[in-house]
């Protein structure tokens, strides 16, 4: 059972999985054209960290021993769903998600990533992407949360200064 707070936000975890080169894993949604980071809802009585490891296993087949936890966001990051995605007949009503974001690094070979460990896979393909690229590829209503998460987590991955923002960044994000 999902955790939905009094304001209608579903508790969720987001996972920025990186490799030793500083690239990040993007998963392609099964049967769709979209790309995103692994993420998923928290169960009742589950901590954010427990949910992160569960989702990591469900979505990309990795276990805690396969990764190193580098850090997480200080607080919840929120996004509101566009009206067309709100399920008005569901109770309690969920109007968006509040997410704790985790930065983890793959310690083993790329072959450890597996998308076929569940009956209904979330992703049907994956790839490594430049650190800032997911901001351009995720569905529009999640973009601001991706910007916030990547900006907050970057110093944990790049203590000497993160990768430069791409040429399109200032035009699209102004920060």
C-alpha atoms as a PDB file:
ATOM      1  CA  UNK A   1       0.000   0.000   0.000  1.00  0.00           C
ATOM      2  CA  UNK A   2       1.340   3.422  -0.984  1.00  0.00           C
ATOM      3  CA  UNK A   3       1.855   6.281   1.429  1.00  0.00           C
ATOM      4  CA  UNK A   4      -0.184   9.366   0.421  1.00  0.00           C
ATOM      5  CA  UNK A   5       0.035  12.359   2.761  1.00  0.00           C
ATOM      6  CA  UNK A   6      -2.757  14.737   3.808  1.00  0.00           C
ATOM      7  CA  UNK A   7      -1.869  17.100   0.930  1.00  0.00           C
ATOM      8  CA  UNK A   8      -2.294  14.320  -1.653  1.00  0.00           C
ATOM      9  CA  UNK A   9       1.379  13.637  -2.376  1.00  0.00           C
ATOM     10  CA  UNK A  10       2.528  10.030  -2.729  1.00  0.00           C
ATOM     11  CA  UNK A  11       5.796   9.205  -0.955  1.00  0.00           C
ATOM     12  CA  UNK A  12       8.319   8.059  -3.533  1.00  0.00           C
ATOM     13  CA  UNK A  13      12.031   7.497  -4.031  1.00  0.00           C
ATOM     14  CA  UNK A  14      14.107   8.496  -7.039  1.00  0.00           C
ATOM     15  CA  UNK A  15      17.384   6.809  -7.905  1.00  0.00           C
ATOM     16  CA  UNK A  16      20.300   8.439  -9.700  1.00  0.00           C
ATOM     17  CA  UNK A  17      22.515   5.451 -10.494  1.00  0.00           C
ATOM     18  CA  UNK A  18      25.912   6.467 -11.815  1.00  0.00           C
ATOM     19  CA  UNK A  19      29.000   4.668 -13.024  1.00  0.00           C
ATOM     20  CA  UNK A  20      32.635   5.457 -12.218  1.00  0.00           C
ATOM     21  CA  UNK A  21      32.812   7.824 -15.220  1.00  0.00           C
ATOM     22  CA  UNK A  22      30.021  10.005 -13.787  1.00  0.00           C
ATOM     23  CA  UNK A  23      27.393   9.000 -16.335  1.00  0.00           C
ATOM     24  CA  UNK A  24      23.879   8.236 -15.098  1.00  0.00           C
ATOM     25  CA  UNK A  25      21.521   5.396 -15.934  1.00  0.00           C
ATOM     26  CA  UNK A  26      18.333   6.200 -17.818  1.00  0.00           C
ATOM     27  CA  UNK A  27      15.656   3.567 -18.233  1.00  0.00           C
ATOM     28  CA  UNK A  28      13.289   3.452 -21.187  1.00  0.00           C
ATOM     29  CA  UNK A  29       9.700   2.926 -20.097  1.00  0.00           C
ATOM     30  CA  UNK A  30       8.340  -0.411 -21.321  1.00  0.00           C
ATOM     31  CA  UNK A  31       6.359   0.026 -24.515  1.00  0.00           C
ATOM     32  CA  UNK A  32       6.818   3.808 -24.495  1.00  0.00           C
ATOM     33  CA  UNK A  33       9.300   6.296 -25.870  1.00  0.00           C
ATOM     34  CA  UNK A  34      10.041   8.012 -22.564  1.00  0.00           C
ATOM     35  CA  UNK A  35      13.221   7.848 -20.490  1.00  0.00           C
ATOM     36  CA  UNK A  36      13.567   8.350 -16.752  1.00  0.00           C
ATOM     37  CA  UNK A  37      15.522   7.485 -13.645  1.00  0.00           C
ATOM     38  CA  UNK A  38      14.396   4.457 -11.659  1.00  0.00           C
ATOM     39  CA  UNK A  39      11.820   5.503  -9.082  1.00  0.00           C
ATOM     40  CA  UNK A  40       8.902   4.122  -7.160  1.00  0.00           C
ATOM     41  CA  UNK A  41       6.483   4.469  -4.303  1.00  0.00           C
ATOM     42  CA  UNK A  42       7.191   3.791  -0.672  1.00  0.00           C
ATOM     43  CA  UNK A  43       5.141   1.158   1.127  1.00  0.00           C
ATOM     44  CA  UNK A  44       3.560   1.820   4.513  1.00  0.00           C
ATOM     45  CA  UNK A  45       6.163   1.346   7.288  1.00  0.00           C
ATOM     46  CA  UNK A  46       9.022   1.331   4.750  1.00  0.00           C
ATOM     47  CA  UNK A  47      11.869   3.828   5.081  1.00  0.00           C
ATOM     48  CA  UNK A  48      13.051   5.785   2.062  1.00  0.00           C
ATOM     49  CA  UNK A  49      16.307   3.815   2.012  1.00  0.00           C
ATOM     50  CA  UNK A  50      14.470   0.474   2.173  1.00  0.00           C
ATOM     51  CA  UNK A  51      12.219   1.596  -0.687  1.00  0.00           C
ATOM     52  CA  UNK A  52      15.233   2.676  -2.716  1.00  0.00           C
ATOM     53  CA  UNK A  53      16.884  -0.750  -2.458  1.00  0.00           C
ATOM     54  CA  UNK A  54      13.587  -2.520  -3.200  1.00  0.00           C
ATOM     55  CA  UNK A  55      12.973  -0.361  -6.275  1.00  0.00           C
ATOM     56  CA  UNK A  56      16.585  -0.806  -7.392  1.00  0.00           C
ATOM     57  CA  UNK A  57      16.070  -4.558  -7.394  1.00  0.00           C
ATOM     58  CA  UNK A  58      12.651  -4.434  -9.047  1.00  0.00           C
ATOM     59  CA  UNK A  59      13.533  -1.981 -11.801  1.00  0.00           C
ATOM     60  CA  UNK A  60      17.178  -2.676 -12.677  1.00  0.00           C
ATOM     61  CA  UNK A  61      17.936  -5.981 -10.943  1.00  0.00           C
ATOM     62  CA  UNK A  62      20.639  -4.628  -8.638  1.00  0.00           C
ATOM     63  CA  UNK A  63      21.192  -5.506  -4.990  1.00  0.00           C
ATOM     64  CA  UNK A  64      22.719  -3.420  -2.208  1.00  0.00           C
ATOM     65  CA  UNK A  65      26.036  -5.255  -2.669  1.00  0.00           C
ATOM     66  CA  UNK A  66      26.191  -4.034  -6.300  1.00  0.00           C
ATOM     67  CA  UNK A  67      26.193  -0.343  -5.403  1.00  0.00           C
ATOM     68  CA  UNK A  68      27.667   2.280  -3.114  1.00  0.00           C
ATOM     69  CA  UNK A  69      25.331   4.829  -1.532  1.00  0.00           C
ATOM     70  CA  UNK A  70      26.869   8.277  -2.087  1.00  0.00           C
ATOM     71  CA  UNK A  71      24.101  10.437  -0.631  1.00  0.00           C
ATOM     72  CA  UNK A  72      20.526  11.617  -0.792  1.00  0.00           C
ATOM     73  CA  UNK A  73      18.565  14.839  -0.946  1.00  0.00           C
ATOM     74  CA  UNK A  74      18.068  16.649   2.346  1.00  0.00           C
ATOM     75  CA  UNK A  75      14.314  16.844   2.010  1.00  0.00           C
ATOM     76  CA  UNK A  76      11.368  15.834  -0.135  1.00  0.00           C
ATOM     77  CA  UNK A  77      11.207  17.234  -3.668  1.00  0.00           C
ATOM     78  CA  UNK A  78       7.656  17.555  -5.017  1.00  0.00           C
ATOM     79  CA  UNK A  79       5.888  17.665  -8.318  1.00  0.00           C
ATOM     80  CA  UNK A  80       2.194  17.976  -9.092  1.00  0.00           C
ATOM     81  CA  UNK A  81       0.634  15.763 -11.714  1.00  0.00           C
ATOM     82  CA  UNK A  82      -1.073  17.409 -14.684  1.00  0.00           C
ATOM     83  CA  UNK A  83      -4.860  17.170 -14.402  1.00  0.00           C
ATOM     84  CA  UNK A  84      -5.080  14.459 -17.085  1.00  0.00           C
ATOM     85  CA  UNK A  85      -2.921  12.096 -14.967  1.00  0.00           C
ATOM     86  CA  UNK A  86      -4.850  12.477 -11.695  1.00  0.00           C
ATOM     87  CA  UNK A  87      -7.054   9.469 -10.937  1.00  0.00           C
ATOM     88  CA  UNK A  88     -10.043  11.253  -9.419  1.00  0.00           C
ATOM     89  CA  UNK A  89     -11.842   7.987  -8.598  1.00  0.00           C
ATOM     90  CA  UNK A  90      -8.981   6.788  -6.334  1.00  0.00           C
ATOM     91  CA  UNK A  91      -9.022   7.382  -2.606  1.00  0.00           C
ATOM     92  CA  UNK A  92      -7.068   8.880  -1.064  1.00  0.00           C
ATOM     93  CA  UNK A  93      -6.645  11.254  -3.977  1.00  0.00           C
ATOM     94  CA  UNK A  94      -3.053  11.507  -5.228  1.00  0.00           C
ATOM     95  CA  UNK A  95      -2.222  14.850  -6.894  1.00  0.00           C
ATOM     96  CA  UNK A  96       1.522  14.354  -7.193  1.00  0.00           C
ATOM     97  CA  UNK A  97       4.633  12.869  -5.708  1.00  0.00           C
ATOM     98  CA  UNK A  98       7.069  13.840  -2.992  1.00  0.00           C
ATOM     99  CA  UNK A  99      10.408  12.191  -3.557  1.00  0.00           C
ATOM    100  CA  UNK A 100      13.611  11.536  -1.676  1.00  0.00           C
ATOM    101  CA  UNK A 101      16.400  11.195  -4.225  1.00  0.00           C
ATOM    102  CA  UNK A 102      19.361   8.856  -3.774  1.00  0.00           C
ATOM    103  CA  UNK A 103      22.715   8.967  -5.539  1.00  0.00           C
ATOM    104  CA  UNK A 104      24.312   5.550  -5.847  1.00  0.00           C
ATOM    105  CA  UNK A 105      27.259   4.213  -7.837  1.00  0.00           C
ATOM    106  CA  UNK A 106      27.421   0.864  -9.611  1.00  0.00           C
ATOM    107  CA  UNK A 107      30.456  -1.010  -8.309  1.00  0.00           C
ATOM    108  CA  UNK A 108      30.342  -3.953 -10.676  1.00  0.00           C
ATOM    109  CA  UNK A 109      30.101  -4.546 -14.388  1.00  0.00           C
ATOM    110  CA  UNK A 110      27.302  -3.106 -16.525  1.00  0.00           C
ATOM    111  CA  UNK A 111      26.128  -6.693 -17.049  1.00  0.00           C
ATOM    112  CA  UNK A 112      24.797  -6.622 -13.449  1.00  0.00           C
ATOM    113  CA  UNK A 113      21.969  -4.349 -14.665  1.00  0.00           C
ATOM    114  CA  UNK A 114      19.005  -6.577 -15.467  1.00  0.00           C
ATOM    115  CA  UNK A 115      15.542  -5.512 -16.552  1.00  0.00           C
ATOM    116  CA  UNK A 116      13.968  -8.967 -16.493  1.00  0.00           C
ATOM    117  CA  UNK A 117      13.780  -9.720 -12.781  1.00  0.00           C
ATOM    118  CA  UNK A 118      10.033  -9.012 -12.393  1.00  0.00           C
ATOM    119  CA  UNK A 119       6.912 -10.284 -14.161  1.00  0.00           C
ATOM    120  CA  UNK A 120       6.111  -6.800 -15.486  1.00  0.00           C
ATOM    121  CA  UNK A 121       9.355  -4.879 -16.135  1.00  0.00           C
ATOM    122  CA  UNK A 122       9.283  -1.105 -15.691  1.00  0.00           C
ATOM    123  CA  UNK A 123      11.941  -0.638 -18.378  1.00  0.00           C
ATOM    124  CA  UNK A 124      12.619  -2.438 -21.645  1.00  0.00           C
ATOM    125  CA  UNK A 125      15.970  -0.725 -22.340  1.00  0.00           C
ATOM    126  CA  UNK A 126      18.590   1.336 -20.553  1.00  0.00           C
ATOM    127  CA  UNK A 127      21.655   3.423 -21.321  1.00  0.00           C
ATOM    128  CA  UNK A 128      24.286   5.608 -19.705  1.00  0.00           C
ATOM    129  CA  UNK A 129      23.785   9.347 -20.271  1.00  0.00           C
ATOM    130  CA  UNK A 130      25.730  12.506 -19.511  1.00  0.00           C
ATOM    131  CA  UNK A 131      24.921  13.788 -16.025  1.00  0.00           C
ATOM    132  CA  UNK A 132      22.574  16.644 -17.050  1.00  0.00           C
ATOM    133  CA  UNK A 133      20.923  14.913 -20.062  1.00  0.00           C
ATOM    134  CA  UNK A 134      17.993  13.365 -18.120  1.00  0.00           C
ATOM    135  CA  UNK A 135      16.553  16.860 -17.589  1.00  0.00           C
ATOM    136  CA  UNK A 136      15.847  17.017 -21.321  1.00  0.00           C
ATOM    137  CA  UNK A 137      14.503  13.496 -21.664  1.00  0.00           C
ATOM    138  CA  UNK A 138      12.137  13.016 -18.741  1.00  0.00           C
ATOM    139  CA  UNK A 139       8.439  13.804 -19.154  1.00  0.00           C
ATOM    140  CA  UNK A 140       7.829  17.559 -18.878  1.00  0.00           C
ATOM    141  CA  UNK A 141       6.129  17.676 -15.478  1.00  0.00           C
ATOM    142  CA  UNK A 142       9.081  15.967 -13.742  1.00  0.00           C
ATOM    143  CA  UNK A 143      11.797  18.218 -15.191  1.00  0.00           C
ATOM    144  CA  UNK A 144      11.999  20.734 -12.362  1.00  0.00           C
ATOM    145  CA  UNK A 145      12.394  17.942  -9.783  1.00  0.00           C
ATOM    146  CA  UNK A 146      15.168  16.421 -11.906  1.00  0.00           C
ATOM    147  CA  UNK A 147      16.944  19.793 -11.980  1.00  0.00           C
ATOM    148  CA  UNK A 148      16.636  20.141  -8.199  1.00  0.00           C
ATOM    149  CA  UNK A 149      17.804  16.577  -7.505  1.00  0.00           C
ATOM    150  CA  UNK A 150      20.767  16.682  -9.892  1.00  0.00           C
ATOM    151  CA  UNK A 151      21.915  20.076  -8.615  1.00  0.00           C
ATOM    152  CA  UNK A 152      21.756  18.956  -4.979  1.00  0.00           C
ATOM    153  CA  UNK A 153      23.439  15.594  -5.616  1.00  0.00           C
ATOM    154  CA  UNK A 154      26.183  16.800  -8.002  1.00  0.00           C
ATOM    155  CA  UNK A 155      28.686  17.805  -5.272  1.00  0.00           C
ATOM    156  CA  UNK A 156      28.471  14.284  -3.817  1.00  0.00           C
ATOM    157  CA  UNK A 157      29.570  12.778  -7.122  1.00  0.00           C
ATOM    158  CA  UNK A 158      31.845  15.591  -8.290  1.00  0.00           C
ATOM    159  CA  UNK A 159      33.501  17.073  -5.154  1.00  0.00           C
ATOM    160  CA  UNK A 160      35.925  19.099  -7.301  1.00  0.00           C
ATOM    161  CA  UNK A 161      33.104  20.632  -9.349  1.00  0.00           C
ATOM    162  CA  UNK A 162      30.483  18.978 -11.475  1.00  0.00           C
ATOM    163  CA  UNK A 163      30.407  18.608 -15.214  1.00  0.00           C
ATOM    164  CA  UNK A 164      29.656  21.852 -16.995  1.00  0.00           C
ATOM    165  CA  UNK A 165      26.032  22.404 -17.787  1.00  0.00           C
ATOM    166  CA  UNK A 166      25.237  21.890 -21.468  1.00  0.00           C
ATOM    167  CA  UNK A 167      24.751  24.772 -23.911  1.00  0.00           C
ATOM    168  CA  UNK A 168      20.939  24.470 -23.662  1.00  0.00           C
ATOM    169  CA  UNK A 169      20.846  24.761 -19.864  1.00  0.00           C
ATOM    170  CA  UNK A 170      20.769  28.526 -19.382  1.00  0.00           C
ATOM    171  CA  UNK A 171      18.167  29.012 -22.102  1.00  0.00           C
ATOM    172  CA  UNK A 172      15.850  26.363 -20.660  1.00  0.00           C
ATOM    173  CA  UNK A 173      16.539  26.691 -16.917  1.00  0.00           C
ATOM    174  CA  UNK A 174      18.075  30.128 -16.390  1.00  0.00           C
ATOM    175  CA  UNK A 175      20.164  28.919 -13.466  1.00  0.00           C
END
